[in-house]
């Protein structure tokens, strides 16, 4: 019988990777995903602020991760 207590995480389908970068609400994919790149947030125009508050689309970074290329 396998000891499940204090066992390291496994790479089973459906489980989130412990090293996966957090996504902002406006991101189309996690940062570093092949075929994506950072772009200026369309909601705040890259300022990170909307109506004198942190932009909800990019979490104040001014950038969102979007798909590039394609057909």
PDB file of N, CA and C in Angstrom:
ATOM      1  N   UNK A   1       0.846  -1.193   0.000  1.00  0.00           N
ATOM      2  CA  UNK A   1       0.000   0.000   0.000  1.00  0.00           C
ATOM      3  C   UNK A   1       0.880   1.241   0.000  1.00  0.00           C
ATOM      4  N   UNK A   2       0.556   2.207  -0.865  1.00  0.00           N
ATOM      5  CA  UNK A   2       1.368   3.406  -1.012  1.00  0.00           C
ATOM      6  C   UNK A   2       1.040   4.417   0.083  1.00  0.00           C
ATOM      7  N   UNK A   3       2.063   5.038   0.640  1.00  0.00           N
ATOM      8  CA  UNK A   3       1.891   6.087   1.644  1.00  0.00           C
ATOM      9  C   UNK A   3       1.536   7.387   0.935  1.00  0.00           C
ATOM     10  N   UNK A   4       0.321   7.908   1.157  1.00  0.00           N
ATOM     11  CA  UNK A   4      -0.103   9.136   0.501  1.00  0.00           C
ATOM     12  C   UNK A   4       0.192  10.374   1.324  1.00  0.00           C
ATOM     13  N   UNK A   5       0.521  10.219   2.584  1.00  0.00           N
ATOM     14  CA  UNK A   5       0.851  11.369   3.411  1.00  0.00           C
ATOM     15  C   UNK A   5       2.288  11.768   3.139  1.00  0.00           C
ATOM     16  N   UNK A   6       2.518  13.055   3.000  1.00  0.00           N
ATOM     17  CA  UNK A   6       3.835  13.621   2.745  1.00  0.00           C
ATOM     18  C   UNK A   6       4.444  13.145   1.438  1.00  0.00           C
ATOM     19  N   UNK A   7       3.616  12.675   0.514  1.00  0.00           N
ATOM     20  CA  UNK A   7       4.106  12.256  -0.793  1.00  0.00           C
ATOM     21  C   UNK A   7       4.246  13.479  -1.681  1.00  0.00           C
ATOM     22  N   UNK A   8       5.249  13.503  -2.569  1.00  0.00           N
ATOM     23  CA  UNK A   8       5.381  14.634  -3.486  1.00  0.00           C
ATOM     24  C   UNK A   8       4.224  14.651  -4.478  1.00  0.00           C
ATOM     25  N   UNK A   9       3.905  15.812  -5.049  1.00  0.00           N
ATOM     26  CA  UNK A   9       2.817  15.897  -6.019  1.00  0.00           C
ATOM     27  C   UNK A   9       3.114  15.022  -7.233  1.00  0.00           C
ATOM     28  N   UNK A  10       2.066  14.526  -7.861  1.00  0.00           N
ATOM     29  CA  UNK A  10       2.228  13.698  -9.051  1.00  0.00           C
ATOM     30  C   UNK A  10       1.780  14.478 -10.264  1.00  0.00           C
ATOM     31  N   UNK A  11       2.209  14.010 -11.438  1.00  0.00           N
ATOM     32  CA  UNK A  11       1.824  14.651 -12.698  1.00  0.00           C
ATOM     33  C   UNK A  11       0.634  13.929 -13.306  1.00  0.00           C
ATOM     34  N   UNK A  12      -0.460  13.860 -12.577  1.00  0.00           N
ATOM     35  CA  UNK A  12      -1.658  13.199 -13.057  1.00  0.00           C
ATOM     36  C   UNK A  12      -2.507  14.189 -13.832  1.00  0.00           C
ATOM     37  N   UNK A  13      -3.161  13.726 -14.902  1.00  0.00           N
ATOM     38  CA  UNK A  13      -4.039  14.626 -15.650  1.00  0.00           C
ATOM     39  C   UNK A  13      -5.097  15.233 -14.742  1.00  0.00           C
ATOM     40  N   UNK A  14      -5.367  16.499 -14.979  1.00  0.00           N
ATOM     41  CA  UNK A  14      -6.399  17.182 -14.212  1.00  0.00           C
ATOM     42  C   UNK A  14      -5.880  17.884 -12.975  1.00  0.00           C
ATOM     43  N   UNK A  15      -4.634  17.627 -12.601  1.00  0.00           N
ATOM     44  CA  UNK A  15      -4.066  18.305 -11.438  1.00  0.00           C
ATOM     45  C   UNK A  15      -3.250  19.497 -11.905  1.00  0.00           C
ATOM     46  N   UNK A  16      -3.387  20.619 -11.243  1.00  0.00           N
ATOM     47  CA  UNK A  16      -2.644  21.823 -11.604  1.00  0.00           C
ATOM     48  C   UNK A  16      -1.169  21.639 -11.290  1.00  0.00           C
ATOM     49  N   UNK A  17      -0.341  22.174 -12.149  1.00  0.00           N
ATOM     50  CA  UNK A  17       1.099  22.111 -11.938  1.00  0.00           C
ATOM     51  C   UNK A  17       1.471  23.081 -10.825  1.00  0.00           C
ATOM     52  N   UNK A  18       2.288  22.648  -9.863  1.00  0.00           N
ATOM     53  CA  UNK A  18       2.636  23.547  -8.763  1.00  0.00           C
ATOM     54  C   UNK A  18       3.508  24.713  -9.204  1.00  0.00           C
ATOM     55  N   UNK A  19       4.100  24.644 -10.413  1.00  0.00           N
ATOM     56  CA  UNK A  19       4.960  25.723 -10.887  1.00  0.00           C
ATOM     57  C   UNK A  19       4.273  26.606 -11.912  1.00  0.00           C
ATOM     58  N   UNK A  20       3.005  26.367 -12.207  1.00  0.00           N
ATOM     59  CA  UNK A  20       2.292  27.141 -13.211  1.00  0.00           C
ATOM     60  C   UNK A  20       2.114  28.583 -12.738  1.00  0.00           C
ATOM     61  N   UNK A  21       2.459  29.521 -13.619  1.00  0.00           N
ATOM     62  CA  UNK A  21       2.332  30.936 -13.291  1.00  0.00           C
ATOM     63  C   UNK A  21       0.855  31.308 -13.177  1.00  0.00           C
ATOM     64  N   UNK A  22       0.521  32.207 -12.275  1.00  0.00           N
ATOM     65  CA  UNK A  22      -0.882  32.623 -12.149  1.00  0.00           C
ATOM     66  C   UNK A  22      -1.329  33.401 -13.375  1.00  0.00           C
ATOM     67  N   UNK A  23      -2.605  33.274 -13.681  1.00  0.00           N
ATOM     68  CA  UNK A  23      -3.173  33.988 -14.818  1.00  0.00           C
ATOM     69  C   UNK A  23      -3.990  35.179 -14.347  1.00  0.00           C
ATOM     70  N   UNK A  24      -3.953  36.250 -15.129  1.00  0.00           N
ATOM     71  CA  UNK A  24      -4.836  37.391 -14.909  1.00  0.00           C
ATOM     72  C   UNK A  24      -6.147  37.097 -15.630  1.00  0.00           C
ATOM     73  N   UNK A  25      -7.241  37.733 -15.222  1.00  0.00           N
ATOM     74  CA  UNK A  25      -8.523  37.468 -15.881  1.00  0.00           C
ATOM     75  C   UNK A  25      -8.509  37.690 -17.390  1.00  0.00           C
ATOM     76  N   UNK A  26      -7.707  38.614 -17.887  1.00  0.00           N
ATOM     77  CA  UNK A  26      -7.658  38.896 -19.326  1.00  0.00           C
ATOM     78  C   UNK A  26      -6.742  37.988 -20.114  1.00  0.00           C
ATOM     79  N   UNK A  27      -5.998  37.106 -19.456  1.00  0.00           N
ATOM     80  CA  UNK A  27      -5.093  36.198 -20.145  1.00  0.00           C
ATOM     81  C   UNK A  27      -5.874  35.136 -20.906  1.00  0.00           C
ATOM     82  N   UNK A  28      -5.395  34.804 -22.107  1.00  0.00           N
ATOM     83  CA  UNK A  28      -5.996  33.726 -22.886  1.00  0.00           C
ATOM     84  C   UNK A  28      -5.358  32.385 -22.534  1.00  0.00           C
ATOM     85  N   UNK A  29      -4.153  32.419 -21.965  1.00  0.00           N
ATOM     86  CA  UNK A  29      -3.417  31.202 -21.589  1.00  0.00           C
ATOM     87  C   UNK A  29      -2.387  31.584 -20.535  1.00  0.00           C
ATOM     88  N   UNK A  30      -1.873  30.603 -19.799  1.00  0.00           N
ATOM     89  CA  UNK A  30      -0.837  30.910 -18.800  1.00  0.00           C
ATOM     90  C   UNK A  30       0.427  31.457 -19.461  1.00  0.00           C
ATOM     91  N   UNK A  31       1.132  32.365 -18.809  1.00  0.00           N
ATOM     92  CA  UNK A  31       2.400  32.864 -19.345  1.00  0.00           C
ATOM     93  C   UNK A  31       3.353  31.706 -19.644  1.00  0.00           C
ATOM     94  N   UNK A  32       4.065  31.810 -20.759  1.00  0.00           N
ATOM     95  CA  UNK A  32       5.008  30.774 -21.145  1.00  0.00           C
ATOM     96  C   UNK A  32       4.420  29.686 -22.014  1.00  0.00           C
ATOM     97  N   UNK A  33       3.110  29.737 -22.245  1.00  0.00           N
ATOM     98  CA  UNK A  33       2.475  28.741 -23.102  1.00  0.00           C
ATOM     99  C   UNK A  33       2.945  28.947 -24.540  1.00  0.00           C
ATOM    100  N   UNK A  34       3.398  27.875 -25.221  1.00  0.00           N
ATOM    101  CA  UNK A  34       3.813  28.032 -26.622  1.00  0.00           C
ATOM    102  C   UNK A  34       2.702  28.635 -27.463  1.00  0.00           C
ATOM    103  N   UNK A  35       3.070  29.549 -28.348  1.00  0.00           N
ATOM    104  CA  UNK A  35       2.098  30.198 -29.222  1.00  0.00           C
ATOM    105  C   UNK A  35       1.415  31.389 -28.592  1.00  0.00           C
ATOM    106  N   UNK A  36       1.902  31.838 -27.430  1.00  0.00           N
ATOM    107  CA  UNK A  36       1.340  33.018 -26.777  1.00  0.00           C
ATOM    108  C   UNK A  36       2.452  34.006 -26.457  1.00  0.00           C
ATOM    109  N   UNK A  37       2.061  35.236 -26.204  1.00  0.00           N
ATOM    110  CA  UNK A  37       3.017  36.272 -25.841  1.00  0.00           C
ATOM    111  C   UNK A  37       2.299  37.370 -25.067  1.00  0.00           C
ATOM    112  N   UNK A  38       3.033  38.143 -24.276  1.00  0.00           N
ATOM    113  CA  UNK A  38       2.398  39.272 -23.590  1.00  0.00           C
ATOM    114  C   UNK A  38       2.041  40.365 -24.591  1.00  0.00           C
ATOM    115  N   UNK A  39       0.952  41.050 -24.321  1.00  0.00           N
ATOM    116  CA  UNK A  39       0.503  42.156 -25.159  1.00  0.00           C
ATOM    117  C   UNK A  39      -0.064  43.233 -24.246  1.00  0.00           C
ATOM    118  N   UNK A  40      -0.195  44.433 -24.770  1.00  0.00           N
ATOM    119  CA  UNK A  40      -0.773  45.537 -24.003  1.00  0.00           C
ATOM    120  C   UNK A  40      -2.219  45.202 -23.676  1.00  0.00           C
ATOM    121  N   UNK A  41      -2.600  45.393 -22.416  1.00  0.00           N
ATOM    122  CA  UNK A  41      -3.968  45.134 -21.994  1.00  0.00           C
ATOM    123  C   UNK A  41      -4.920  46.058 -22.749  1.00  0.00           C
ATOM    124  N   UNK A  42      -5.925  45.495 -23.440  1.00  0.00           N
ATOM    125  CA  UNK A  42      -6.853  46.342 -24.185  1.00  0.00           C
ATOM    126  C   UNK A  42      -7.790  47.156 -23.294  1.00  0.00           C
ATOM    127  N   UNK A  43      -7.975  46.724 -22.066  1.00  0.00           N
ATOM    128  CA  UNK A  43      -8.911  47.435 -21.184  1.00  0.00           C
ATOM    129  C   UNK A  43      -8.305  48.719 -20.637  1.00  0.00           C
ATOM    130  N   UNK A  44      -7.035  48.669 -20.196  1.00  0.00           N
ATOM    131  CA  UNK A  44      -6.417  49.854 -19.584  1.00  0.00           C
ATOM    132  C   UNK A  44      -5.388  50.518 -20.485  1.00  0.00           C
ATOM    133  N   UNK A  45      -5.116  49.929 -21.651  1.00  0.00           N
ATOM    134  CA  UNK A  45      -4.140  50.497 -22.573  1.00  0.00           C
ATOM    135  C   UNK A  45      -2.712  50.395 -22.075  1.00  0.00           C
ATOM    136  N   UNK A  46      -2.461  49.515 -21.137  1.00  0.00           N
ATOM    137  CA  UNK A  46      -1.112  49.307 -20.630  1.00  0.00           C
ATOM    138  C   UNK A  46      -0.780  50.070 -19.368  1.00  0.00           C
ATOM    139  N   UNK A  47      -1.714  50.871 -18.874  1.00  0.00           N
ATOM    140  CA  UNK A  47      -1.441  51.672 -17.675  1.00  0.00           C
ATOM    141  C   UNK A  47      -1.586  50.869 -16.379  1.00  0.00           C
ATOM    142  N   UNK A  48      -2.372  49.787 -16.439  1.00  0.00           N
ATOM    143  CA  UNK A  48      -2.643  48.997 -15.241  1.00  0.00           C
ATOM    144  C   UNK A  48      -3.726  49.594 -14.365  1.00  0.00           C
ATOM    145  N   UNK A  49      -4.327  50.710 -14.810  1.00  0.00           N
ATOM    146  CA  UNK A  49      -5.357  51.396 -14.019  1.00  0.00           C
ATOM    147  C   UNK A  49      -6.582  51.673 -14.877  1.00  0.00           C
ATOM    148  N   UNK A  50      -7.765  51.519 -14.285  1.00  0.00           N
ATOM    149  CA  UNK A  50      -9.038  51.858 -14.914  1.00  0.00           C
ATOM    150  C   UNK A  50      -9.865  52.575 -13.863  1.00  0.00           C
ATOM    151  N   UNK A  51     -10.357  53.750 -14.194  1.00  0.00           N
ATOM    152  CA  UNK A  51     -11.186  54.537 -13.273  1.00  0.00           C
ATOM    153  C   UNK A  51     -10.528  54.686 -11.901  1.00  0.00           C
ATOM    154  N   UNK A  52      -9.249  55.004 -11.905  1.00  0.00           N
ATOM    155  CA  UNK A  52      -8.494  55.264 -10.675  1.00  0.00           C
ATOM    156  C   UNK A  52      -8.385  54.038  -9.758  1.00  0.00           C
ATOM    157  N   UNK A  53      -8.467  52.839 -10.350  1.00  0.00           N
ATOM    158  CA  UNK A  53      -8.342  51.590  -9.596  1.00  0.00           C
ATOM    159  C   UNK A  53      -7.510  50.602 -10.422  1.00  0.00           C
ATOM    160  N   UNK A  54      -7.074  49.532  -9.785  1.00  0.00           N
ATOM    161  CA  UNK A  54      -6.320  48.499 -10.481  1.00  0.00           C
ATOM    162  C   UNK A  54      -7.181  47.882 -11.578  1.00  0.00           C
ATOM    163  N   UNK A  55      -6.612  47.735 -12.763  1.00  0.00           N
ATOM    164  CA  UNK A  55      -7.347  47.154 -13.887  1.00  0.00           C
ATOM    165  C   UNK A  55      -7.714  45.708 -13.574  1.00  0.00           C
ATOM    166  N   UNK A  56      -8.995  45.357 -13.695  1.00  0.00           N
ATOM    167  CA  UNK A  56      -9.412  43.991 -13.385  1.00  0.00           C
ATOM    168  C   UNK A  56      -9.008  42.979 -14.457  1.00  0.00           C
ATOM    169  N   UNK A  57      -8.699  43.432 -15.666  1.00  0.00           N
ATOM    170  CA  UNK A  57      -8.345  42.503 -16.735  1.00  0.00           C
ATOM    171  C   UNK A  57      -6.897  42.015 -16.632  1.00  0.00           C
ATOM    172  N   UNK A  58      -5.984  42.905 -16.230  1.00  0.00           N
ATOM    173  CA  UNK A  58      -4.562  42.538 -16.180  1.00  0.00           C
ATOM    174  C   UNK A  58      -4.006  42.517 -14.760  1.00  0.00           C
ATOM    175  N   UNK A  59      -4.848  42.731 -13.776  1.00  0.00           N
ATOM    176  CA  UNK A  59      -4.427  42.786 -12.364  1.00  0.00           C
ATOM    177  C   UNK A  59      -3.372  43.860 -12.123  1.00  0.00           C
ATOM    178  N   UNK A  60      -3.429  44.928 -12.913  1.00  0.00           N
ATOM    179  CA  UNK A  60      -2.527  46.060 -12.707  1.00  0.00           C
ATOM    180  C   UNK A  60      -1.176  45.959 -13.382  1.00  0.00           C
ATOM    181  N   UNK A  61      -0.940  44.896 -14.150  1.00  0.00           N
ATOM    182  CA  UNK A  61       0.361  44.746 -14.812  1.00  0.00           C
ATOM    183  C   UNK A  61       0.453  45.530 -16.109  1.00  0.00           C
ATOM    184  N   UNK A  62      -0.690  45.832 -16.724  1.00  0.00           N
ATOM    185  CA  UNK A  62      -0.689  46.522 -18.011  1.00  0.00           C
ATOM    186  C   UNK A  62      -0.516  45.576 -19.185  1.00  0.00           C
ATOM    187  N   UNK A  63      -0.369  44.272 -18.907  1.00  0.00           N
ATOM    188  CA  UNK A  63      -0.189  43.285 -19.960  1.00  0.00           C
ATOM    189  C   UNK A  63      -1.102  42.083 -19.745  1.00  0.00           C
ATOM    190  N   UNK A  64      -1.514  41.473 -20.864  1.00  0.00           N
ATOM    191  CA  UNK A  64      -2.242  40.212 -20.829  1.00  0.00           C
ATOM    192  C   UNK A  64      -1.524  39.250 -21.771  1.00  0.00           C
ATOM    193  N   UNK A  65      -1.632  37.958 -21.508  1.00  0.00           N
ATOM    194  CA  UNK A  65      -1.003  36.941 -22.338  1.00  0.00           C
ATOM    195  C   UNK A  65      -2.013  36.472 -23.376  1.00  0.00           C
ATOM    196  N   UNK A  66      -1.669  36.629 -24.661  1.00  0.00           N
ATOM    197  CA  UNK A  66      -2.614  36.314 -25.734  1.00  0.00           C
ATOM    198  C   UNK A  66      -1.980  35.379 -26.759  1.00  0.00           C
ATOM    199  N   UNK A  67      -2.850  34.699 -27.512  1.00  0.00           N
ATOM    200  CA  UNK A  67      -2.387  33.850 -28.587  1.00  0.00           C
ATOM    201  C   UNK A  67      -1.834  34.685 -29.726  1.00  0.00           C
ATOM    202  N   UNK A  68      -0.785  34.185 -30.370  1.00  0.00           N
ATOM    203  CA  UNK A  68      -0.192  34.889 -31.506  1.00  0.00           C
ATOM    204  C   UNK A  68      -0.208  33.975 -32.731  1.00  0.00           C
ATOM    205  N   UNK A  69      -0.190  34.582 -33.891  1.00  0.00           N
ATOM    206  CA  UNK A  69      -0.162  33.798 -35.124  1.00  0.00           C
ATOM    207  C   UNK A  69      -1.483  33.121 -35.372  1.00  0.00           C
ATOM    208  N   UNK A  70      -1.409  31.985 -36.001  1.00  0.00           N
ATOM    209  CA  UNK A  70      -2.630  31.226 -36.276  1.00  0.00           C
ATOM    210  C   UNK A  70      -3.252  31.626 -37.587  1.00  0.00           C
ATOM    211  N   UNK A  71      -4.378  31.007 -37.857  1.00  0.00           N
ATOM    212  CA  UNK A  71      -5.054  31.269 -39.126  1.00  0.00           C
ATOM    213  C   UNK A  71      -6.333  32.019 -38.911  1.00  0.00           C
TER     214      UNK A  71
END
